[in-house]
mmCIF file of all heavy atoms, coordinates in Angstrom:
data_MODEL
# 
_entry.id   MODEL 
# 
loop_
_atom_site.group_PDB 
_atom_site.id 
_atom_site.type_symbol 
_atom_site.label_atom_id 
_atom_site.label_alt_id 
_atom_site.label_comp_id 
_atom_site.label_asym_id 
_atom_site.label_entity_id 
_atom_site.label_seq_id 
_atom_site.pdbx_PDB_ins_code 
_atom_site.Cartn_x 
_atom_site.Cartn_y 
_atom_site.Cartn_z 
_atom_site.occupancy 
_atom_site.B_iso_or_equiv 
_atom_site.pdbx_formal_charge 
_atom_site.auth_seq_id 
_atom_site.auth_comp_id 
_atom_site.auth_asym_id 
_atom_site.auth_atom_id 
_atom_site.pdbx_PDB_model_num 
ATOM 1   N N   . ALA A 1 1  ? -33.327 -23.579 -46.100 1.00 0.00 ? 1  ALA A N   1 
ATOM 2   C CA  . ALA A 1 1  ? -31.977 -23.392 -45.477 1.00 0.00 ? 1  ALA A CA  1 
ATOM 3   C C   . ALA A 1 1  ? -31.886 -24.150 -44.189 1.00 0.00 ? 1  ALA A C   1 
ATOM 4   O O   . ALA A 1 1  ? -32.906 -24.418 -43.534 1.00 0.00 ? 1  ALA A O   1 
ATOM 5   C CB  . ALA A 1 1  ? -31.758 -21.920 -45.248 1.00 0.00 ? 1  ALA A CB  1 
ATOM 6   N N   . ALA A 1 2  ? -30.609 -24.494 -43.846 1.00 0.00 ? 2  ALA A N   1 
ATOM 7   C CA  . ALA A 1 2  ? -30.248 -25.195 -42.594 1.00 0.00 ? 2  ALA A CA  1 
ATOM 8   C C   . ALA A 1 2  ? -31.145 -26.425 -42.374 1.00 0.00 ? 2  ALA A C   1 
ATOM 9   O O   . ALA A 1 2  ? -31.811 -26.628 -41.358 1.00 0.00 ? 2  ALA A O   1 
ATOM 10  C CB  . ALA A 1 2  ? -30.438 -24.212 -41.412 1.00 0.00 ? 2  ALA A CB  1 
ATOM 11  N N   . HIS A 1 3  ? -31.185 -27.270 -43.415 1.00 0.00 ? 3  HIS A N   1 
ATOM 12  C CA  . HIS A 1 3  ? -31.907 -28.530 -43.319 1.00 0.00 ? 3  HIS A CA  1 
ATOM 13  C C   . HIS A 1 3  ? -30.957 -29.706 -43.538 1.00 0.00 ? 3  HIS A C   1 
ATOM 14  O O   . HIS A 1 3  ? -29.820 -29.539 -44.032 1.00 0.00 ? 3  HIS A O   1 
ATOM 15  C CB  . HIS A 1 3  ? -32.991 -28.576 -44.406 1.00 0.00 ? 3  HIS A CB  1 
ATOM 16  C CG  . HIS A 1 3  ? -34.289 -27.998 -44.029 1.00 0.00 ? 3  HIS A CG  1 
ATOM 17  N ND1 . HIS A 1 3  ? -34.455 -26.722 -43.565 1.00 0.00 ? 3  HIS A ND1 1 
ATOM 18  C CD2 . HIS A 1 3  ? -35.512 -28.521 -43.944 1.00 0.00 ? 3  HIS A CD2 1 
ATOM 19  C CE1 . HIS A 1 3  ? -35.724 -26.471 -43.198 1.00 0.00 ? 3  HIS A CE1 1 
ATOM 20  N NE2 . HIS A 1 3  ? -36.387 -27.608 -43.497 1.00 0.00 ? 3  HIS A NE2 1 
ATOM 21  N N   . SER A 1 4  ? -31.419 -30.841 -43.147 1.00 0.00 ? 4  SER A N   1 
ATOM 22  C CA  . SER A 1 4  ? -30.685 -32.122 -43.355 1.00 0.00 ? 4  SER A CA  1 
ATOM 23  C C   . SER A 1 4  ? -31.567 -33.099 -44.114 1.00 0.00 ? 4  SER A C   1 
ATOM 24  O O   . SER A 1 4  ? -32.813 -33.048 -44.017 1.00 0.00 ? 4  SER A O   1 
ATOM 25  C CB  . SER A 1 4  ? -30.178 -32.720 -42.010 1.00 0.00 ? 4  SER A CB  1 
ATOM 26  O OG  . SER A 1 4  ? -29.240 -31.879 -41.409 1.00 0.00 ? 4  SER A OG  1 
ATOM 27  N N   . MET A 1 5  ? -30.910 -33.972 -44.874 1.00 0.00 ? 5  MET A N   1 
ATOM 28  C CA  . MET A 1 5  ? -31.707 -34.928 -45.670 1.00 0.00 ? 5  MET A CA  1 
ATOM 29  C C   . MET A 1 5  ? -31.013 -36.321 -45.570 1.00 0.00 ? 5  MET A C   1 
ATOM 30  O O   . MET A 1 5  ? -29.776 -36.510 -45.496 1.00 0.00 ? 5  MET A O   1 
ATOM 31  C CB  . MET A 1 5  ? -31.675 -34.497 -47.096 1.00 0.00 ? 5  MET A CB  1 
ATOM 32  C CG  . MET A 1 5  ? -32.354 -35.480 -48.059 1.00 0.00 ? 5  MET A CG  1 
ATOM 33  S SD  . MET A 1 5  ? -32.185 -34.897 -49.783 1.00 0.00 ? 5  MET A SD  1 
ATOM 34  C CE  . MET A 1 5  ? -30.464 -35.331 -50.098 1.00 0.00 ? 5  MET A CE  1 
ATOM 35  N N   . VAL A 1 6  ? -31.907 -37.315 -45.330 1.00 0.00 ? 6  VAL A N   1 
ATOM 36  C CA  . VAL A 1 6  ? -31.387 -38.682 -45.225 1.00 0.00 ? 6  VAL A CA  1 
ATOM 37  C C   . VAL A 1 6  ? -31.848 -39.464 -46.414 1.00 0.00 ? 6  VAL A C   1 
ATOM 38  O O   . VAL A 1 6  ? -32.991 -39.374 -46.900 1.00 0.00 ? 6  VAL A O   1 
ATOM 39  C CB  . VAL A 1 6  ? -31.933 -39.378 -43.952 1.00 0.00 ? 6  VAL A CB  1 
ATOM 40  C CG1 . VAL A 1 6  ? -31.463 -40.769 -43.767 1.00 0.00 ? 6  VAL A CG1 1 
ATOM 41  C CG2 . VAL A 1 6  ? -31.580 -38.545 -42.719 1.00 0.00 ? 6  VAL A CG2 1 
ATOM 42  N N   . PHE A 1 7  ? -30.959 -40.342 -46.959 1.00 0.00 ? 7  PHE A N   1 
ATOM 43  C CA  . PHE A 1 7  ? -31.358 -41.156 -48.053 1.00 0.00 ? 7  PHE A CA  1 
ATOM 44  C C   . PHE A 1 7  ? -30.771 -42.619 -47.875 1.00 0.00 ? 7  PHE A C   1 
ATOM 45  O O   . PHE A 1 7  ? -29.711 -42.779 -47.321 1.00 0.00 ? 7  PHE A O   1 
ATOM 46  C CB  . PHE A 1 7  ? -31.069 -40.644 -49.483 1.00 0.00 ? 7  PHE A CB  1 
ATOM 47  C CG  . PHE A 1 7  ? -29.589 -40.328 -49.683 1.00 0.00 ? 7  PHE A CG  1 
ATOM 48  C CD1 . PHE A 1 7  ? -28.722 -41.180 -50.329 1.00 0.00 ? 7  PHE A CD1 1 
ATOM 49  C CD2 . PHE A 1 7  ? -29.141 -39.036 -49.296 1.00 0.00 ? 7  PHE A CD2 1 
ATOM 50  C CE1 . PHE A 1 7  ? -27.431 -40.845 -50.534 1.00 0.00 ? 7  PHE A CE1 1 
ATOM 51  C CE2 . PHE A 1 7  ? -27.784 -38.724 -49.500 1.00 0.00 ? 7  PHE A CE2 1 
ATOM 52  C CZ  . PHE A 1 7  ? -26.988 -39.635 -50.159 1.00 0.00 ? 7  PHE A CZ  1 
ATOM 53  N N   . ALA A 1 8  ? -31.533 -43.597 -48.248 1.00 0.00 ? 8  ALA A N   1 
ATOM 54  C CA  . ALA A 1 8  ? -31.144 -44.985 -48.210 1.00 0.00 ? 8  ALA A CA  1 
ATOM 55  C C   . ALA A 1 8  ? -31.858 -45.793 -49.322 1.00 0.00 ? 8  ALA A C   1 
ATOM 56  O O   . ALA A 1 8  ? -33.001 -45.466 -49.597 1.00 0.00 ? 8  ALA A O   1 
ATOM 57  C CB  . ALA A 1 8  ? -31.415 -45.616 -46.860 1.00 0.00 ? 8  ALA A CB  1 
ATOM 58  N N   . GLY A 1 9  ? -31.214 -46.837 -49.852 1.00 0.00 ? 9  GLY A N   1 
ATOM 59  C CA  . GLY A 1 9  ? -31.843 -47.687 -50.843 1.00 0.00 ? 9  GLY A CA  1 
ATOM 60  C C   . GLY A 1 9  ? -32.342 -46.924 -52.050 1.00 0.00 ? 9  GLY A C   1 
ATOM 61  O O   . GLY A 1 9  ? -33.298 -47.347 -52.634 1.00 0.00 ? 9  GLY A O   1 
ATOM 62  N N   . GLY A 1 10 ? -31.601 -45.913 -52.482 1.00 0.00 ? 10 GLY A N   1 
ATOM 63  C CA  . GLY A 1 10 ? -31.935 -45.147 -53.653 1.00 0.00 ? 10 GLY A CA  1 
ATOM 64  C C   . GLY A 1 10 ? -33.024 -44.079 -53.536 1.00 0.00 ? 10 GLY A C   1 
ATOM 65  O O   . GLY A 1 10 ? -33.541 -43.643 -54.515 1.00 0.00 ? 10 GLY A O   1 
ATOM 66  N N   . ARG A 1 11 ? -33.516 -43.806 -52.345 1.00 0.00 ? 11 ARG A N   1 
ATOM 67  C CA  . ARG A 1 11 ? -34.585 -42.847 -52.203 1.00 0.00 ? 11 ARG A CA  1 
ATOM 68  C C   . ARG A 1 11 ? -34.357 -41.961 -50.935 1.00 0.00 ? 11 ARG A C   1 
ATOM 69  O O   . ARG A 1 11 ? -33.734 -42.419 -50.001 1.00 0.00 ? 11 ARG A O   1 
ATOM 70  C CB  . ARG A 1 11 ? -35.934 -43.524 -52.184 1.00 0.00 ? 11 ARG A CB  1 
ATOM 71  C CG  . ARG A 1 11 ? -36.127 -44.519 -51.060 1.00 0.00 ? 11 ARG A CG  1 
ATOM 72  C CD  . ARG A 1 11 ? -37.450 -45.176 -51.143 1.00 0.00 ? 11 ARG A CD  1 
ATOM 73  N NE  . ARG A 1 11 ? -38.547 -44.229 -51.019 1.00 0.00 ? 11 ARG A NE  1 
ATOM 74  C CZ  . ARG A 1 11 ? -39.798 -44.574 -50.722 1.00 0.00 ? 11 ARG A CZ  1 
ATOM 75  N NH1 . ARG A 1 11 ? -40.115 -45.821 -50.536 1.00 0.00 ? 11 ARG A NH1 1 
ATOM 76  N NH2 . ARG A 1 11 ? -40.690 -43.697 -50.508 1.00 0.00 ? 11 ARG A NH2 1 
ATOM 77  N N   . VAL A 1 12 ? -34.969 -40.800 -50.994 1.00 0.00 ? 12 VAL A N   1 
ATOM 78  C CA  . VAL A 1 12 ? -34.920 -39.891 -49.762 1.00 0.00 ? 12 VAL A CA  1 
ATOM 79  C C   . VAL A 1 12 ? -35.861 -40.494 -48.782 1.00 0.00 ? 12 VAL A C   1 
ATOM 80  O O   . VAL A 1 12 ? -37.057 -40.702 -49.087 1.00 0.00 ? 12 VAL A O   1 
ATOM 81  C CB  . VAL A 1 12 ? -35.287 -38.451 -50.147 1.00 0.00 ? 12 VAL A CB  1 
ATOM 82  C CG1 . VAL A 1 12 ? -35.369 -37.583 -48.939 1.00 0.00 ? 12 VAL A CG1 1 
ATOM 83  C CG2 . VAL A 1 12 ? -34.299 -37.885 -51.174 1.00 0.00 ? 12 VAL A CG2 1 
ATOM 84  N N   . THR A 1 13 ? -35.413 -40.554 -47.563 1.00 0.00 ? 13 THR A N   1 
ATOM 85  C CA  . THR A 1 13 ? -36.317 -41.158 -46.510 1.00 0.00 ? 13 THR A CA  1 
ATOM 86  C C   . THR A 1 13 ? -36.711 -40.192 -45.410 1.00 0.00 ? 13 THR A C   1 
ATOM 87  O O   . THR A 1 13 ? -37.752 -40.258 -44.748 1.00 0.00 ? 13 THR A O   1 
ATOM 88  C CB  . THR A 1 13 ? -35.606 -42.319 -45.815 1.00 0.00 ? 13 THR A CB  1 
ATOM 89  O OG1 . THR A 1 13 ? -34.347 -41.854 -45.193 1.00 0.00 ? 13 THR A OG1 1 
ATOM 90  C CG2 . THR A 1 13 ? -35.328 -43.487 -46.766 1.00 0.00 ? 13 THR A CG2 1 
ATOM 91  N N   . GLU A 1 14 ? -35.913 -39.089 -45.213 1.00 0.00 ? 14 GLU A N   1 
ATOM 92  C CA  . GLU A 1 14 ? -36.228 -38.086 -44.238 1.00 0.00 ? 14 GLU A CA  1 
ATOM 93  C C   . GLU A 1 14 ? -35.703 -36.737 -44.664 1.00 0.00 ? 14 GLU A C   1 
ATOM 94  O O   . GLU A 1 14 ? -34.685 -36.618 -45.369 1.00 0.00 ? 14 GLU A O   1 
ATOM 95  C CB  . GLU A 1 14 ? -35.637 -38.428 -42.869 1.00 0.00 ? 14 GLU A CB  1 
ATOM 96  C CG  . GLU A 1 14 ? -36.123 -39.622 -42.187 1.00 0.00 ? 14 GLU A CG  1 
ATOM 97  C CD  . GLU A 1 14 ? -35.404 -39.870 -40.861 1.00 0.00 ? 14 GLU A CD  1 
ATOM 98  O OE1 . GLU A 1 14 ? -35.726 -39.107 -39.933 1.00 0.00 ? 14 GLU A OE1 1 
ATOM 99  O OE2 . GLU A 1 14 ? -34.535 -40.704 -40.737 1.00 0.00 ? 14 GLU A OE2 1 
ATOM 100 N N   . LEU A 1 15 ? -36.407 -35.701 -44.297 1.00 0.00 ? 15 LEU A N   1 
ATOM 101 C CA  . LEU A 1 15 ? -36.043 -34.292 -44.600 1.00 0.00 ? 15 LEU A CA  1 
ATOM 102 C C   . LEU A 1 15 ? -36.612 -33.422 -43.501 1.00 0.00 ? 15 LEU A C   1 
ATOM 103 O O   . LEU A 1 15 ? -37.752 -33.507 -43.156 1.00 0.00 ? 15 LEU A O   1 
ATOM 104 C CB  . LEU A 1 15 ? -36.637 -33.902 -45.970 1.00 0.00 ? 15 LEU A CB  1 
ATOM 105 C CG  . LEU A 1 15 ? -36.420 -32.462 -46.425 1.00 0.00 ? 15 LEU A CG  1 
ATOM 106 C CD1 . LEU A 1 15 ? -34.933 -32.235 -46.671 1.00 0.00 ? 15 LEU A CD1 1 
ATOM 107 C CD2 . LEU A 1 15 ? -37.269 -32.217 -47.698 1.00 0.00 ? 15 LEU A CD2 1 
ATOM 108 N N   . GLY A 1 16 ? -35.699 -32.534 -42.987 1.00 0.00 ? 16 GLY A N   1 
ATOM 109 C CA  . GLY A 1 16 ? -36.144 -31.657 -41.930 1.00 0.00 ? 16 GLY A CA  1 
ATOM 110 C C   . GLY A 1 16 ? -35.153 -30.676 -41.443 1.00 0.00 ? 16 GLY A C   1 
ATOM 111 O O   . GLY A 1 16 ? -33.991 -30.722 -41.905 1.00 0.00 ? 16 GLY A O   1 
ATOM 112 N N   . PRO A 1 17 ? -35.428 -29.754 -40.457 1.00 0.00 ? 17 PRO A N   1 
ATOM 113 C CA  . PRO A 1 17 ? -34.508 -28.784 -40.033 1.00 0.00 ? 17 PRO A CA  1 
ATOM 114 C C   . PRO A 1 17 ? -33.266 -29.525 -39.476 1.00 0.00 ? 17 PRO A C   1 
ATOM 115 O O   . PRO A 1 17 ? -33.262 -30.589 -38.847 1.00 0.00 ? 17 PRO A O   1 
ATOM 116 C CB  . PRO A 1 17 ? -35.262 -28.118 -38.879 1.00 0.00 ? 17 PRO A CB  1 
ATOM 117 C CG  . PRO A 1 17 ? -36.648 -28.278 -39.262 1.00 0.00 ? 17 PRO A CG  1 
ATOM 118 C CD  . PRO A 1 17 ? -36.755 -29.632 -39.941 1.00 0.00 ? 17 PRO A CD  1 
ATOM 119 N N   . ALA A 1 18 ? -32.060 -28.970 -39.674 1.00 0.00 ? 18 ALA A N   1 
ATOM 120 C CA  . ALA A 1 18 ? -30.781 -29.649 -39.350 1.00 0.00 ? 18 ALA A CA  1 
ATOM 121 C C   . ALA A 1 18 ? -30.679 -29.930 -37.830 1.00 0.00 ? 18 ALA A C   1 
ATOM 122 O O   . ALA A 1 18 ? -30.189 -30.950 -37.444 1.00 0.00 ? 18 ALA A O   1 
ATOM 123 C CB  . ALA A 1 18 ? -29.653 -28.771 -39.825 1.00 0.00 ? 18 ALA A CB  1 
ATOM 124 N N   . ALA A 1 19 ? -31.251 -28.965 -37.000 1.00 0.00 ? 19 ALA A N   1 
ATOM 125 C CA  . ALA A 1 19 ? -31.159 -29.194 -35.585 1.00 0.00 ? 19 ALA A CA  1 
ATOM 126 C C   . ALA A 1 19 ? -31.800 -30.447 -35.138 1.00 0.00 ? 19 ALA A C   1 
ATOM 127 O O   . ALA A 1 19 ? -31.421 -31.104 -34.089 1.00 0.00 ? 19 ALA A O   1 
ATOM 128 C CB  . ALA A 1 19 ? -31.776 -27.979 -34.915 1.00 0.00 ? 19 ALA A CB  1 
ATOM 129 N N   . ASP A 1 20 ? -32.857 -30.929 -35.868 1.00 0.00 ? 20 ASP A N   1 
ATOM 130 C CA  . ASP A 1 20 ? -33.569 -32.146 -35.485 1.00 0.00 ? 20 ASP A CA  1 
ATOM 131 C C   . ASP A 1 20 ? -32.715 -33.402 -35.663 1.00 0.00 ? 20 ASP A C   1 
ATOM 132 O O   . ASP A 1 20 ? -33.072 -34.513 -35.159 1.00 0.00 ? 20 ASP A O   1 
ATOM 133 C CB  . ASP A 1 20 ? -34.878 -32.250 -36.216 1.00 0.00 ? 20 ASP A CB  1 
ATOM 134 C CG  . ASP A 1 20 ? -35.799 -31.177 -35.956 1.00 0.00 ? 20 ASP A CG  1 
ATOM 135 O OD1 . ASP A 1 20 ? -35.580 -30.417 -34.990 1.00 0.00 ? 20 ASP A OD1 1 
ATOM 136 O OD2 . ASP A 1 20 ? -36.784 -31.041 -36.710 1.00 0.00 ? 20 ASP A OD2 1 
ATOM 137 N N   . PHE A 1 21 ? -31.560 -33.270 -36.392 1.00 0.00 ? 21 PHE A N   1 
ATOM 138 C CA  . PHE A 1 21 ? -30.787 -34.446 -36.764 1.00 0.00 ? 21 PHE A CA  1 
ATOM 139 C C   . PHE A 1 21 ? -29.439 -34.524 -35.994 1.00 0.00 ? 21 PHE A C   1 
ATOM 140 O O   . PHE A 1 21 ? -28.752 -35.460 -36.054 1.00 0.00 ? 21 PHE A O   1 
ATOM 141 C CB  . PHE A 1 21 ? -30.533 -34.489 -38.219 1.00 0.00 ? 21 PHE A CB  1 
ATOM 142 C CG  . PHE A 1 21 ? -31.729 -34.737 -39.113 1.00 0.00 ? 21 PHE A CG  1 
ATOM 143 C CD1 . PHE A 1 21 ? -32.601 -33.730 -39.454 1.00 0.00 ? 21 PHE A CD1 1 
ATOM 144 C CD2 . PHE A 1 21 ? -31.997 -36.081 -39.545 1.00 0.00 ? 21 PHE A CD2 1 
ATOM 145 C CE1 . PHE A 1 21 ? -33.714 -33.943 -40.252 1.00 0.00 ? 21 PHE A CE1 1 
ATOM 146 C CE2 . PHE A 1 21 ? -33.100 -36.351 -40.351 1.00 0.00 ? 21 PHE A CE2 1 
ATOM 147 C CZ  . PHE A 1 21 ? -33.922 -35.314 -40.651 1.00 0.00 ? 21 PHE A CZ  1 
ATOM 148 N N   . GLU A 1 22 ? -29.071 -33.406 -35.314 1.00 0.00 ? 22 GLU A N   1 
ATOM 149 C CA  . GLU A 1 22 ? -27.735 -33.313 -34.774 1.00 0.00 ? 22 GLU A CA  1 
ATOM 150 C C   . GLU A 1 22 ? -27.449 -34.418 -33.726 1.00 0.00 ? 22 GLU A C   1 
ATOM 151 O O   . GLU A 1 22 ? -26.358 -34.978 -33.721 1.00 0.00 ? 22 GLU A O   1 
ATOM 152 C CB  . GLU A 1 22 ? -27.485 -31.921 -34.182 1.00 0.00 ? 22 GLU A CB  1 
ATOM 153 C CG  . GLU A 1 22 ? -27.349 -30.860 -35.303 1.00 0.00 ? 22 GLU A CG  1 
ATOM 154 C CD  . GLU A 1 22 ? -26.327 -31.273 -36.341 1.00 0.00 ? 22 GLU A CD  1 
ATOM 155 O OE1 . GLU A 1 22 ? -25.065 -31.324 -35.997 1.00 0.00 ? 22 GLU A OE1 1 
ATOM 156 O OE2 . GLU A 1 22 ? -26.687 -31.584 -37.478 1.00 0.00 ? 22 GLU A OE2 1 
ATOM 157 N N   . LYS A 1 23 ? -28.419 -34.692 -32.898 1.00 0.00 ? 23 LYS A N   1 
ATOM 158 C CA  . LYS A 1 23 ? -28.130 -35.750 -31.854 1.00 0.00 ? 23 LYS A CA  1 
ATOM 159 C C   . LYS A 1 23 ? -27.950 -37.083 -32.462 1.00 0.00 ? 23 LYS A C   1 
ATOM 160 O O   . LYS A 1 23 ? -27.082 -37.863 -32.095 1.00 0.00 ? 23 LYS A O   1 
ATOM 161 C CB  . LYS A 1 23 ? -29.336 -35.773 -30.912 1.00 0.00 ? 23 LYS A CB  1 
ATOM 162 C CG  . LYS A 1 23 ? -29.121 -36.772 -29.738 1.00 0.00 ? 23 LYS A CG  1 
ATOM 163 C CD  . LYS A 1 23 ? -30.233 -36.652 -28.668 1.00 0.00 ? 23 LYS A CD  1 
ATOM 164 C CE  . LYS A 1 23 ? -30.064 -37.600 -27.509 1.00 0.00 ? 23 LYS A CE  1 
ATOM 165 N NZ  . LYS A 1 23 ? -31.157 -37.515 -26.531 1.00 0.00 ? 23 LYS A NZ  1 
ATOM 166 N N   . ARG A 1 24 ? -28.647 -37.384 -33.509 1.00 0.00 ? 24 ARG A N   1 
ATOM 167 C CA  . ARG A 1 24 ? -28.574 -38.677 -34.250 1.00 0.00 ? 24 ARG A CA  1 
ATOM 168 C C   . ARG A 1 24 ? -27.244 -38.760 -34.953 1.00 0.00 ? 24 ARG A C   1 
ATOM 169 O O   . ARG A 1 24 ? -26.613 -39.800 -35.009 1.00 0.00 ? 24 ARG A O   1 
ATOM 170 C CB  . ARG A 1 24 ? -29.713 -38.900 -35.159 1.00 0.00 ? 24 ARG A CB  1 
ATOM 171 C CG  . ARG A 1 24 ? -31.079 -38.982 -34.465 1.00 0.00 ? 24 ARG A CG  1 
ATOM 172 C CD  . ARG A 1 24 ? -32.228 -38.817 -35.367 1.00 0.00 ? 24 ARG A CD  1 
ATOM 173 N NE  . ARG A 1 24 ? -32.330 -39.871 -36.403 1.00 0.00 ? 24 ARG A NE  1 
ATOM 174 C CZ  . ARG A 1 24 ? -33.148 -39.814 -37.441 1.00 0.00 ? 24 ARG A CZ  1 
ATOM 175 N NH1 . ARG A 1 24 ? -33.911 -38.731 -37.641 1.00 0.00 ? 24 ARG A NH1 1 
ATOM 176 N NH2 . ARG A 1 24 ? -33.105 -40.832 -38.305 1.00 0.00 ? 24 ARG A NH2 1 
ATOM 177 N N   . VAL A 1 25 ? -26.762 -37.581 -35.467 1.00 0.00 ? 25 VAL A N   1 
ATOM 178 C CA  . VAL A 1 25 ? -25.492 -37.527 -36.129 1.00 0.00 ? 25 VAL A CA  1 
ATOM 179 C C   . VAL A 1 25 ? -24.402 -37.846 -35.098 1.00 0.00 ? 25 VAL A C   1 
ATOM 180 O O   . VAL A 1 25 ? -23.478 -38.648 -35.327 1.00 0.00 ? 25 VAL A O   1 
ATOM 181 C CB  . VAL A 1 25 ? -25.260 -36.262 -36.781 1.00 0.00 ? 25 VAL A CB  1 
ATOM 182 C CG1 . VAL A 1 25 ? -23.761 -36.081 -37.300 1.00 0.00 ? 25 VAL A CG1 1 
ATOM 183 C CG2 . VAL A 1 25 ? -26.209 -36.021 -38.011 1.00 0.00 ? 25 VAL A CG2 1 
ATOM 184 N N   . ALA A 1 26 ? -24.520 -37.201 -33.913 1.00 0.00 ? 26 ALA A N   1 
ATOM 185 C CA  . ALA A 1 26 ? -23.451 -37.323 -32.857 1.00 0.00 ? 26 ALA A CA  1 
ATOM 186 C C   . ALA A 1 26 ? -23.373 -38.758 -32.343 1.00 0.00 ? 26 ALA A C   1 
ATOM 187 O O   . ALA A 1 26 ? -22.279 -39.191 -31.994 1.00 0.00 ? 26 ALA A O   1 
ATOM 188 C CB  . ALA A 1 26 ? -23.793 -36.406 -31.725 1.00 0.00 ? 26 ALA A CB  1 
# 
């Protein structure tokens, strides 16, 4: 729960708690 996932080039590249990605999203 409350996770984010990054994918590029047809594959998942990152997965972790959503809070760890919020600054990069912003």
